[in-house]
Amino acid sequence: MKIGELAAKANTQIETIRYYERQGLLPEPARSESNYRVYGDTHAERLSFIRHCRGLDMTLDEIRVLLKFKDAPTENCGEVNELLDAHIGHVAERINELRSLETQLKGLRLACKRAQDAEHCGILNELTEVSRHATPSRSRAGHVHGAHN
């Protein structure tokens, strides 16, 4: 199948497939006589595996490790267990961070109980005041989902 067919079958954008190829997660496909990439069912299965892992918020490095073991089925999977345990820890940490964020947002919401002119909006005023005194957070460089180490 051509890349467009693979993309449709795996519900994945073509550029994502090419990115995974550049990252070494998908093996380079064979080429047709007219130099088109030709993918097989193994590419579709591997892409599906990668997409499922990404859906579990795993990093590309974590997926790379999992694929290494998937490609060596006789190896001991102890490292896979350790990887998943660490990933569970990252998820638990993010859940705690999100709960804290929710609490902050709910508190902020209480600052403006009714719609009024923006100059007197408690939310905007509170955000402005806090931003004047805030120091950048070192725990999270930004609001990026799935960006744990």
N, C-alpha and C. Protein backbone atom coordinates (compact mmCIF):
# COMPACT_ATOMS: atom_id res chain seq x y z
N MET A 1 0.85 -1.18 0.00
CA MET A 1 0.00 0.00 0.00
C MET A 1 0.89 1.24 0.00
N LYS A 2 0.37 2.32 -0.55
CA LYS A 2 1.09 3.59 -0.55
C LYS A 2 0.85 4.29 0.78
N ILE A 3 1.61 5.36 1.01
CA ILE A 3 1.55 6.05 2.30
C ILE A 3 0.16 6.59 2.60
N GLY A 4 -0.55 7.04 1.59
CA GLY A 4 -1.92 7.54 1.80
C GLY A 4 -2.86 6.46 2.28
N GLU A 5 -2.68 5.25 1.74
CA GLU A 5 -3.51 4.12 2.17
C GLU A 5 -3.17 3.73 3.60
N LEU A 6 -1.87 3.73 3.92
CA LEU A 6 -1.45 3.41 5.28
C LEU A 6 -2.01 4.46 6.25
N ALA A 7 -1.93 5.71 5.87
CA ALA A 7 -2.44 6.78 6.72
C ALA A 7 -3.93 6.61 6.98
N ALA A 8 -4.68 6.28 5.95
CA ALA A 8 -6.12 6.09 6.11
C ALA A 8 -6.41 4.87 6.98
N LYS A 9 -5.68 3.78 6.73
CA LYS A 9 -5.89 2.55 7.49
C LYS A 9 -5.60 2.74 8.98
N ALA A 10 -4.55 3.53 9.28
CA ALA A 10 -4.14 3.73 10.67
C ALA A 10 -4.69 5.02 11.27
N ASN A 11 -5.52 5.74 10.48
CA ASN A 11 -6.07 7.01 10.94
C ASN A 11 -4.97 7.93 11.47
N THR A 12 -3.94 8.09 10.64
CA THR A 12 -2.75 8.85 11.00
C THR A 12 -2.38 9.77 9.83
N GLN A 13 -1.93 10.95 10.14
CA GLN A 13 -1.52 11.86 9.08
C GLN A 13 -0.24 11.37 8.41
N ILE A 14 -0.12 11.66 7.14
CA ILE A 14 1.05 11.24 6.37
C ILE A 14 2.33 11.79 6.98
N GLU A 15 2.31 13.05 7.38
CA GLU A 15 3.52 13.65 7.95
C GLU A 15 3.93 12.95 9.25
N THR A 16 2.97 12.47 10.01
CA THR A 16 3.28 11.72 11.23
C THR A 16 3.99 10.42 10.88
N ILE A 17 3.54 9.75 9.85
CA ILE A 17 4.18 8.51 9.42
C ILE A 17 5.62 8.80 9.01
N ARG A 18 5.82 9.84 8.23
CA ARG A 18 7.18 10.20 7.81
C ARG A 18 8.05 10.57 9.01
N TYR A 19 7.46 11.26 9.98
CA TYR A 19 8.19 11.61 11.20
C TYR A 19 8.63 10.35 11.94
N TYR A 20 7.72 9.39 12.10
CA TYR A 20 8.08 8.15 12.77
C TYR A 20 9.17 7.40 12.01
N GLU A 21 9.15 7.49 10.70
CA GLU A 21 10.22 6.89 9.91
C GLU A 21 11.55 7.58 10.20
N ARG A 22 11.55 8.91 10.20
CA ARG A 22 12.79 9.67 10.49
C ARG A 22 13.31 9.37 11.88
N GLN A 23 12.39 9.12 12.82
CA GLN A 23 12.78 8.83 14.20
C GLN A 23 13.22 7.38 14.38
N GLY A 24 13.11 6.57 13.35
CA GLY A 24 13.53 5.18 13.42
C GLY A 24 12.51 4.25 14.07
N LEU A 25 11.29 4.74 14.27
CA LEU A 25 10.26 3.91 14.88
C LEU A 25 9.61 2.98 13.85
N LEU A 26 9.50 3.45 12.64
CA LEU A 26 8.97 2.64 11.54
C LEU A 26 10.11 2.31 10.60
N PRO A 27 10.23 1.07 10.21
CA PRO A 27 11.30 0.73 9.26
C PRO A 27 11.04 1.39 7.91
N GLU A 28 12.12 1.70 7.24
CA GLU A 28 11.98 2.30 5.92
C GLU A 28 11.31 1.30 4.99
N PRO A 29 10.29 1.75 4.28
CA PRO A 29 9.58 0.83 3.39
C PRO A 29 10.35 0.57 2.10
N ALA A 30 9.96 -0.47 1.44
CA ALA A 30 10.51 -0.74 0.10
C ALA A 30 10.02 0.34 -0.84
N ARG A 31 10.64 0.43 -2.01
CA ARG A 31 10.25 1.41 -3.01
C ARG A 31 9.77 0.70 -4.27
N SER A 32 8.77 1.27 -4.89
CA SER A 32 8.27 0.73 -6.16
C SER A 32 9.22 1.16 -7.27
N GLU A 33 8.98 0.64 -8.46
CA GLU A 33 9.80 1.02 -9.60
C GLU A 33 9.73 2.52 -9.87
N SER A 34 8.59 3.12 -9.55
CA SER A 34 8.43 4.57 -9.74
C SER A 34 8.84 5.35 -8.48
N ASN A 35 9.54 4.68 -7.56
CA ASN A 35 10.11 5.26 -6.35
C ASN A 35 9.08 5.67 -5.28
N TYR A 36 7.87 5.12 -5.34
CA TYR A 36 6.89 5.34 -4.27
C TYR A 36 7.21 4.41 -3.11
N ARG A 37 6.97 4.90 -1.91
CA ARG A 37 7.11 4.03 -0.74
C ARG A 37 6.01 2.97 -0.82
N VAL A 38 6.37 1.73 -0.49
CA VAL A 38 5.40 0.64 -0.50
C VAL A 38 5.40 0.02 0.90
N TYR A 39 4.26 0.12 1.57
CA TYR A 39 4.11 -0.36 2.94
C TYR A 39 3.34 -1.67 2.95
N GLY A 40 3.60 -2.47 3.97
CA GLY A 40 2.90 -3.73 4.13
C GLY A 40 2.12 -3.75 5.44
N ASP A 41 1.53 -4.90 5.71
CA ASP A 41 0.76 -5.07 6.93
C ASP A 41 1.62 -4.90 8.18
N THR A 42 2.90 -5.27 8.10
CA THR A 42 3.77 -5.12 9.27
C THR A 42 3.94 -3.64 9.62
N HIS A 43 4.00 -2.78 8.61
CA HIS A 43 4.07 -1.34 8.87
C HIS A 43 2.79 -0.86 9.54
N ALA A 44 1.66 -1.34 9.05
CA ALA A 44 0.37 -0.94 9.62
C ALA A 44 0.25 -1.40 11.07
N GLU A 45 0.69 -2.62 11.36
CA GLU A 45 0.62 -3.14 12.73
C GLU A 45 1.55 -2.35 13.65
N ARG A 46 2.75 -2.06 13.18
CA ARG A 46 3.71 -1.31 13.99
C ARG A 46 3.21 0.12 14.22
N LEU A 47 2.67 0.73 13.19
CA LEU A 47 2.12 2.07 13.33
C LEU A 47 0.97 2.08 14.32
N SER A 48 0.12 1.09 14.26
CA SER A 48 -0.99 0.97 15.20
C SER A 48 -0.46 0.84 16.63
N PHE A 49 0.58 0.05 16.81
CA PHE A 49 1.21 -0.12 18.13
C PHE A 49 1.74 1.22 18.64
N ILE A 50 2.45 1.94 17.77
CA ILE A 50 3.02 3.24 18.14
C ILE A 50 1.90 4.21 18.52
N ARG A 51 0.87 4.26 17.71
CA ARG A 51 -0.24 5.18 17.97
C ARG A 51 -0.95 4.84 19.28
N HIS A 52 -1.09 3.55 19.57
CA HIS A 52 -1.72 3.15 20.83
C HIS A 52 -0.85 3.61 22.01
N CYS A 53 0.45 3.41 21.91
CA CYS A 53 1.37 3.85 22.97
C CYS A 53 1.32 5.37 23.14
N ARG A 54 1.25 6.10 22.03
CA ARG A 54 1.15 7.56 22.12
C ARG A 54 -0.17 7.94 22.81
N GLY A 55 -1.22 7.16 22.53
CA GLY A 55 -2.50 7.39 23.19
C GLY A 55 -2.42 7.16 24.69
N LEU A 56 -1.46 6.35 25.12
CA LEU A 56 -1.21 6.13 26.55
C LEU A 56 -0.22 7.15 27.09
N ASP A 57 0.06 8.17 26.28
CA ASP A 57 0.92 9.30 26.65
C ASP A 57 2.38 8.90 26.83
N MET A 58 2.81 7.87 26.12
CA MET A 58 4.20 7.46 26.20
C MET A 58 5.04 8.32 25.26
N THR A 59 6.27 8.58 25.69
CA THR A 59 7.19 9.35 24.87
C THR A 59 7.73 8.47 23.75
N LEU A 60 8.33 9.10 22.75
CA LEU A 60 8.94 8.33 21.66
C LEU A 60 10.09 7.47 22.18
N ASP A 61 10.83 7.96 23.16
CA ASP A 61 11.92 7.15 23.73
C ASP A 61 11.36 5.91 24.43
N GLU A 62 10.27 6.07 25.15
CA GLU A 62 9.64 4.91 25.79
C GLU A 62 9.17 3.91 24.73
N ILE A 63 8.56 4.42 23.69
CA ILE A 63 8.07 3.55 22.61
C ILE A 63 9.24 2.85 21.94
N ARG A 64 10.33 3.56 21.76
CA ARG A 64 11.53 2.97 21.15
C ARG A 64 11.99 1.75 21.95
N VAL A 65 11.98 1.87 23.27
CA VAL A 65 12.38 0.74 24.13
C VAL A 65 11.40 -0.41 23.96
N LEU A 66 10.11 -0.10 23.97
CA LEU A 66 9.11 -1.16 23.81
C LEU A 66 9.27 -1.87 22.47
N LEU A 67 9.53 -1.10 21.42
CA LEU A 67 9.71 -1.70 20.10
C LEU A 67 10.95 -2.57 20.05
N LYS A 68 11.98 -2.17 20.77
CA LYS A 68 13.20 -2.99 20.83
C LYS A 68 12.87 -4.38 21.36
N PHE A 69 12.05 -4.45 22.38
CA PHE A 69 11.67 -5.74 22.94
C PHE A 69 10.66 -6.46 22.05
N LYS A 70 9.79 -5.72 21.43
CA LYS A 70 8.83 -6.32 20.50
C LYS A 70 9.57 -7.00 19.34
N ASP A 71 10.69 -6.39 18.94
CA ASP A 71 11.50 -6.94 17.84
C ASP A 71 12.41 -8.08 18.30
N ALA A 72 12.52 -8.28 19.60
CA ALA A 72 13.35 -9.36 20.15
C ALA A 72 12.50 -10.17 21.12
N PRO A 73 11.56 -10.95 20.62
CA PRO A 73 10.56 -11.61 21.47
C PRO A 73 11.11 -12.61 22.47
N THR A 74 12.35 -13.04 22.35
CA THR A 74 12.90 -14.00 23.32
C THR A 74 13.61 -13.32 24.48
N GLU A 75 13.74 -12.00 24.43
CA GLU A 75 14.40 -11.26 25.51
C GLU A 75 13.50 -11.20 26.74
N ASN A 76 14.13 -11.06 27.90
CA ASN A 76 13.41 -10.90 29.16
C ASN A 76 12.77 -9.51 29.19
N CYS A 77 11.53 -9.42 29.61
CA CYS A 77 10.79 -8.15 29.55
C CYS A 77 10.86 -7.35 30.86
N GLY A 78 11.83 -7.64 31.71
CA GLY A 78 11.95 -6.89 32.96
C GLY A 78 12.06 -5.39 32.75
N GLU A 79 12.80 -4.98 31.73
CA GLU A 79 12.95 -3.56 31.44
C GLU A 79 11.62 -2.94 31.00
N VAL A 80 10.79 -3.73 30.33
CA VAL A 80 9.46 -3.25 29.93
C VAL A 80 8.63 -2.98 31.18
N ASN A 81 8.71 -3.88 32.16
CA ASN A 81 7.97 -3.69 33.42
C ASN A 81 8.44 -2.42 34.12
N GLU A 82 9.77 -2.22 34.16
CA GLU A 82 10.32 -1.03 34.80
C GLU A 82 9.88 0.24 34.08
N LEU A 83 9.88 0.19 32.77
CA LEU A 83 9.46 1.34 31.98
C LEU A 83 8.01 1.69 32.29
N LEU A 84 7.15 0.69 32.33
CA LEU A 84 5.74 0.96 32.60
C LEU A 84 5.54 1.46 34.02
N ASP A 85 6.28 0.91 34.98
CA ASP A 85 6.18 1.41 36.36
C ASP A 85 6.57 2.89 36.42
N ALA A 86 7.65 3.26 35.73
CA ALA A 86 8.07 4.66 35.71
C ALA A 86 7.02 5.53 35.03
N HIS A 87 6.44 5.03 33.97
CA HIS A 87 5.41 5.79 33.25
C HIS A 87 4.18 5.99 34.14
N ILE A 88 3.81 4.98 34.88
CA ILE A 88 2.69 5.11 35.82
C ILE A 88 3.00 6.20 36.83
N GLY A 89 4.23 6.27 37.29
CA GLY A 89 4.65 7.33 38.22
C GLY A 89 4.51 8.71 37.60
N HIS A 90 4.90 8.85 36.32
CA HIS A 90 4.76 10.13 35.62
C HIS A 90 3.29 10.52 35.52
N VAL A 91 2.45 9.56 35.21
CA VAL A 91 1.02 9.83 35.08
C VAL A 91 0.44 10.27 36.43
N ALA A 92 0.82 9.59 37.49
CA ALA A 92 0.33 9.95 38.83
C ALA A 92 0.77 11.37 39.19
N GLU A 93 1.99 11.72 38.84
CA GLU A 93 2.50 13.07 39.11
C GLU A 93 1.70 14.10 38.32
N ARG A 94 1.42 13.81 37.08
CA ARG A 94 0.62 14.73 36.25
C ARG A 94 -0.79 14.88 36.79
N ILE A 95 -1.37 13.78 37.27
CA ILE A 95 -2.72 13.85 37.85
C ILE A 95 -2.72 14.80 39.04
N ASN A 96 -1.70 14.68 39.89
CA ASN A 96 -1.60 15.59 41.04
C ASN A 96 -1.44 17.04 40.59
N GLU A 97 -0.62 17.27 39.56
CA GLU A 97 -0.45 18.62 39.04
C GLU A 97 -1.77 19.16 38.48
N LEU A 98 -2.50 18.31 37.77
CA LEU A 98 -3.78 18.74 37.20
C LEU A 98 -4.81 19.03 38.28
N ARG A 99 -4.80 18.24 39.36
CA ARG A 99 -5.73 18.52 40.47
C ARG A 99 -5.41 19.87 41.10
N SER A 100 -4.13 20.15 41.26
CA SER A 100 -3.71 21.44 41.80
C SER A 100 -4.13 22.57 40.86
N LEU A 101 -3.96 22.37 39.57
CA LEU A 101 -4.38 23.36 38.59
C LEU A 101 -5.88 23.59 38.66
N GLU A 102 -6.64 22.52 38.79
CA GLU A 102 -8.10 22.65 38.89
C GLU A 102 -8.47 23.48 40.12
N THR A 103 -7.82 23.23 41.24
CA THR A 103 -8.10 23.98 42.46
C THR A 103 -7.80 25.46 42.26
N GLN A 104 -6.67 25.76 41.61
CA GLN A 104 -6.31 27.15 41.35
C GLN A 104 -7.34 27.82 40.44
N LEU A 105 -7.75 27.12 39.41
CA LEU A 105 -8.72 27.70 38.47
C LEU A 105 -10.08 27.92 39.13
N LYS A 106 -10.50 26.98 39.97
CA LYS A 106 -11.78 27.15 40.67
C LYS A 106 -11.72 28.35 41.62
N GLY A 107 -10.58 28.52 42.29
CA GLY A 107 -10.41 29.67 43.17
C GLY A 107 -10.43 30.96 42.38
N LEU A 108 -9.79 30.95 41.23
CA LEU A 108 -9.79 32.12 40.36
C LEU A 108 -11.20 32.44 39.88
N ARG A 109 -11.96 31.42 39.57
CA ARG A 109 -13.33 31.61 39.07
C ARG A 109 -14.20 32.31 40.12
N LEU A 110 -13.93 32.06 41.38
CA LEU A 110 -14.70 32.69 42.45
C LEU A 110 -14.45 34.19 42.54
N ALA A 111 -13.40 34.66 41.87
CA ALA A 111 -13.07 36.09 41.92
C ALA A 111 -14.03 36.95 41.11
N CYS A 112 -14.83 36.33 40.28
CA CYS A 112 -15.78 37.11 39.46
C CYS A 112 -17.09 36.34 39.41
N LYS A 113 -18.03 36.75 40.23
CA LYS A 113 -19.28 36.01 40.36
C LYS A 113 -20.33 36.37 39.32
N ARG A 114 -20.19 37.54 38.68
CA ARG A 114 -21.18 37.95 37.68
C ARG A 114 -20.49 38.66 36.53
N ALA A 115 -21.14 38.65 35.39
CA ALA A 115 -20.60 39.34 34.22
C ALA A 115 -20.68 40.84 34.44
N GLN A 116 -19.59 41.54 34.12
CA GLN A 116 -19.54 42.98 34.28
C GLN A 116 -18.50 43.53 33.31
N ASP A 117 -18.23 44.82 33.38
CA ASP A 117 -17.23 45.39 32.48
C ASP A 117 -15.86 44.77 32.81
N ALA A 118 -15.06 44.56 31.77
CA ALA A 118 -13.78 43.85 31.92
C ALA A 118 -12.84 44.56 32.89
N GLU A 119 -12.96 45.88 33.00
CA GLU A 119 -12.09 46.63 33.93
C GLU A 119 -12.27 46.17 35.37
N HIS A 120 -13.47 45.72 35.71
CA HIS A 120 -13.76 45.28 37.07
C HIS A 120 -13.86 43.76 37.20
N CYS A 121 -13.45 43.06 36.19
CA CYS A 121 -13.51 41.60 36.22
C CYS A 121 -12.50 41.07 37.22
N GLY A 122 -13.00 40.37 38.22
CA GLY A 122 -12.13 39.82 39.26
C GLY A 122 -11.11 38.84 38.72
N ILE A 123 -11.49 38.06 37.74
CA ILE A 123 -10.56 37.07 37.16
C ILE A 123 -9.40 37.78 36.48
N LEU A 124 -9.72 38.73 35.61
CA LEU A 124 -8.67 39.46 34.90
C LEU A 124 -7.77 40.23 35.87
N ASN A 125 -8.37 40.86 36.86
CA ASN A 125 -7.59 41.62 37.84
C ASN A 125 -6.69 40.69 38.66
N GLU A 126 -7.22 39.56 39.06
CA GLU A 126 -6.42 38.60 39.83
C GLU A 126 -5.27 38.05 39.00
N LEU A 127 -5.55 37.70 37.74
CA LEU A 127 -4.49 37.20 36.85
C LEU A 127 -3.41 38.26 36.65
N THR A 128 -3.82 39.50 36.49
CA THR A 128 -2.87 40.59 36.31
C THR A 128 -2.00 40.76 37.54
N GLU A 129 -2.63 40.76 38.70
CA GLU A 129 -1.89 40.95 39.96
C GLU A 129 -0.91 39.81 40.20
N VAL A 130 -1.37 38.60 40.03
CA VAL A 130 -0.49 37.44 40.27
C VAL A 130 0.66 37.43 39.27
N SER A 131 0.38 37.79 38.01
CA SER A 131 1.43 37.76 36.99
C SER A 131 2.53 38.79 37.27
N ARG A 132 2.21 39.85 37.96
CA ARG A 132 3.21 40.87 38.32
C ARG A 132 4.23 40.32 39.31
N HIS A 133 3.81 39.40 40.13
CA HIS A 133 4.66 38.89 41.20
C HIS A 133 5.12 37.45 40.99
N ALA A 134 4.64 36.85 39.93
CA ALA A 134 4.94 35.43 39.70
C ALA A 134 6.34 35.24 39.14
N THR A 135 6.96 34.13 39.54
CA THR A 135 8.22 33.71 38.94
C THR A 135 7.92 32.50 38.09
N PRO A 136 8.60 32.37 36.96
CA PRO A 136 8.33 31.22 36.08
C PRO A 136 8.51 29.90 36.81
N SER A 137 7.58 28.99 36.58
CA SER A 137 7.63 27.66 37.19
C SER A 137 8.75 26.85 36.56
N ARG A 138 9.52 26.20 37.40
CA ARG A 138 10.60 25.36 36.88
C ARG A 138 10.17 23.92 36.71
N SER A 139 9.05 23.55 37.34
CA SER A 139 8.61 22.15 37.23
C SER A 139 8.05 21.83 35.87
N ARG A 140 7.40 22.79 35.24
CA ARG A 140 6.82 22.60 33.90
C ARG A 140 7.22 23.79 33.04
N ALA A 141 7.87 23.54 31.94
CA ALA A 141 8.31 24.60 31.05
C ALA A 141 7.14 25.22 30.30
N GLY A 142 6.03 24.56 30.25
CA GLY A 142 4.87 25.07 29.53
C GLY A 142 3.73 24.09 29.66
N HIS A 143 2.64 24.42 29.05
CA HIS A 143 1.46 23.56 29.11
C HIS A 143 1.52 22.57 27.94
N VAL A 144 2.37 21.56 28.11
CA VAL A 144 2.57 20.57 27.05
C VAL A 144 2.16 19.20 27.57
N HIS A 145 1.17 18.64 26.94
CA HIS A 145 0.71 17.31 27.35
C HIS A 145 1.72 16.26 26.93
N GLY A 146 1.97 15.31 27.81
CA GLY A 146 2.82 14.18 27.45
C GLY A 146 4.28 14.50 27.35
N ALA A 147 4.73 15.56 27.98
CA ALA A 147 6.13 15.95 27.83
C ALA A 147 6.94 15.60 29.07
N HIS A 148 6.75 14.43 29.60
CA HIS A 148 7.56 14.02 30.75
C HIS A 148 8.86 13.40 30.26
N ASN A 149 9.82 13.36 31.14
CA ASN A 149 11.13 12.80 30.78
C ASN A 149 11.21 11.33 31.09
